[in-house]
C-alpha atoms as a PDB file:
ATOM      1  CA  UNK A   1      -2.745  19.643 -10.695  1.00  0.00           C
ATOM      2  CA  UNK A   2      -6.216  20.868 -11.171  1.00  0.00           C
ATOM      3  CA  UNK A   3      -9.207  20.153  -9.001  1.00  0.00           C
ATOM      4  CA  UNK A   4     -10.911  18.387 -11.907  1.00  0.00           C
ATOM      5  CA  UNK A   5      -8.338  15.576 -11.719  1.00  0.00           C
ATOM      6  CA  UNK A   6      -9.995  14.511  -8.456  1.00  0.00           C
ATOM      7  CA  UNK A   7     -13.604  15.562  -9.103  1.00  0.00           C
ATOM      8  CA  UNK A   8     -16.192  15.177 -11.830  1.00  0.00           C
ATOM      9  CA  UNK A   9     -19.663  16.588 -12.251  1.00  0.00           C
ATOM     10  CA  UNK A  10     -22.465  14.050 -11.721  1.00  0.00           C
ATOM     11  CA  UNK A  11     -26.096  15.157 -11.758  1.00  0.00           C
ATOM     12  CA  UNK A  12     -25.048  18.782 -11.289  1.00  0.00           C
ATOM     13  CA  UNK A  13     -22.837  18.055  -8.248  1.00  0.00           C
ATOM     14  CA  UNK A  14     -19.120  17.563  -7.768  1.00  0.00           C
ATOM     15  CA  UNK A  15     -18.259  13.935  -7.030  1.00  0.00           C
ATOM     16  CA  UNK A  16     -14.816  12.499  -6.187  1.00  0.00           C
ATOM     17  CA  UNK A  17     -13.075  10.365  -8.793  1.00  0.00           C
ATOM     18  CA  UNK A  18     -11.375   7.414  -7.128  1.00  0.00           C
ATOM     19  CA  UNK A  19     -10.565   5.150 -10.071  1.00  0.00           C
ATOM     20  CA  UNK A  20      -7.253   6.903 -10.848  1.00  0.00           C
ATOM     21  CA  UNK A  21      -6.274   7.058  -7.174  1.00  0.00           C
ATOM     22  CA  UNK A  22      -6.669   3.347  -6.444  1.00  0.00           C
ATOM     23  CA  UNK A  23      -3.423   1.401  -6.496  1.00  0.00           C
ATOM     24  CA  UNK A  24      -3.350  -2.389  -6.271  1.00  0.00           C
ATOM     25  CA  UNK A  25      -2.104  -3.537  -2.882  1.00  0.00           C
ATOM     26  CA  UNK A  26       1.044  -5.631  -3.256  1.00  0.00           C
ATOM     27  CA  UNK A  27       3.401  -7.261  -0.798  1.00  0.00           C
ATOM     28  CA  UNK A  28       6.860  -5.665  -1.097  1.00  0.00           C
ATOM     29  CA  UNK A  29       8.437  -9.002  -0.219  1.00  0.00           C
ATOM     30  CA  UNK A  30       6.744 -11.509  -2.568  1.00  0.00           C
ATOM     31  CA  UNK A  31       4.958  -9.061  -4.932  1.00  0.00           C
ATOM     32  CA  UNK A  32       1.673 -10.932  -4.403  1.00  0.00           C
ATOM     33  CA  UNK A  33      -1.626  -9.076  -4.231  1.00  0.00           C
ATOM     34  CA  UNK A  34      -3.377  -9.168  -0.850  1.00  0.00           C
ATOM     35  CA  UNK A  35      -6.206  -7.354   0.889  1.00  0.00           C
ATOM     36  CA  UNK A  36      -4.321  -6.855   4.150  1.00  0.00           C
ATOM     37  CA  UNK A  37      -0.674  -6.015   4.684  1.00  0.00           C
ATOM     38  CA  UNK A  38       1.494  -5.429   7.744  1.00  0.00           C
ATOM     39  CA  UNK A  39       3.996  -2.592   8.118  1.00  0.00           C
ATOM     40  CA  UNK A  40       7.638  -3.618   8.513  1.00  0.00           C
ATOM     41  CA  UNK A  41       9.614  -0.380   8.553  1.00  0.00           C
ATOM     42  CA  UNK A  42       9.041   1.203   5.150  1.00  0.00           C
ATOM     43  CA  UNK A  43       7.867  -2.104   3.655  1.00  0.00           C
ATOM     44  CA  UNK A  44       4.365  -3.518   3.400  1.00  0.00           C
ATOM     45  CA  UNK A  45       4.365  -7.311   3.679  1.00  0.00           C
ATOM     46  CA  UNK A  46       1.619  -9.914   3.648  1.00  0.00           C
ATOM     47  CA  UNK A  47       1.000 -12.038   6.756  1.00  0.00           C
ATOM     48  CA  UNK A  48       2.578 -15.086   5.054  1.00  0.00           C
ATOM     49  CA  UNK A  49       5.875 -13.231   4.457  1.00  0.00           C
ATOM     50  CA  UNK A  50       5.992 -11.184   7.670  1.00  0.00           C
ATOM     51  CA  UNK A  51       7.879 -13.644   9.870  1.00  0.00           C
ATOM     52  CA  UNK A  52      10.570 -14.419   7.271  1.00  0.00           C
ATOM     53  CA  UNK A  53      11.046 -10.788   6.247  1.00  0.00           C
ATOM     54  CA  UNK A  54      11.237  -9.634   9.888  1.00  0.00           C
ATOM     55  CA  UNK A  55      13.859 -12.284  10.647  1.00  0.00           C
ATOM     56  CA  UNK A  56      16.020 -11.310   7.648  1.00  0.00           C
ATOM     57  CA  UNK A  57      15.595  -7.604   8.297  1.00  0.00           C
ATOM     58  CA  UNK A  58      16.580  -8.051  11.965  1.00  0.00           C
ATOM     59  CA  UNK A  59      19.800  -9.806  10.925  1.00  0.00           C
ATOM     60  CA  UNK A  60      20.783  -6.888   8.693  1.00  0.00           C
ATOM     61  CA  UNK A  61      20.178  -4.308  11.427  1.00  0.00           C
ATOM     62  CA  UNK A  62      16.922  -2.931  10.038  1.00  0.00           C
ATOM     63  CA  UNK A  63      15.095  -3.276  13.352  1.00  0.00           C
ATOM     64  CA  UNK A  64      16.524  -1.614  16.457  1.00  0.00           C
ATOM     65  CA  UNK A  65      15.154  -2.929  19.752  1.00  0.00           C
END
């Protein structure tokens, strides 16, 4: 990877390029797009799915308490 993949020259200065780095935020459980997600192990789930996904994951042994 070159440095120019992350920077471009604007008005004689180096400026970061974010458009290629931005990834849409999606819930791993329902695949819906949301602005805020909660971590559940290695998954990112929306607040609406968190309770159900935590319950199912606990039953399968994913959460050790």
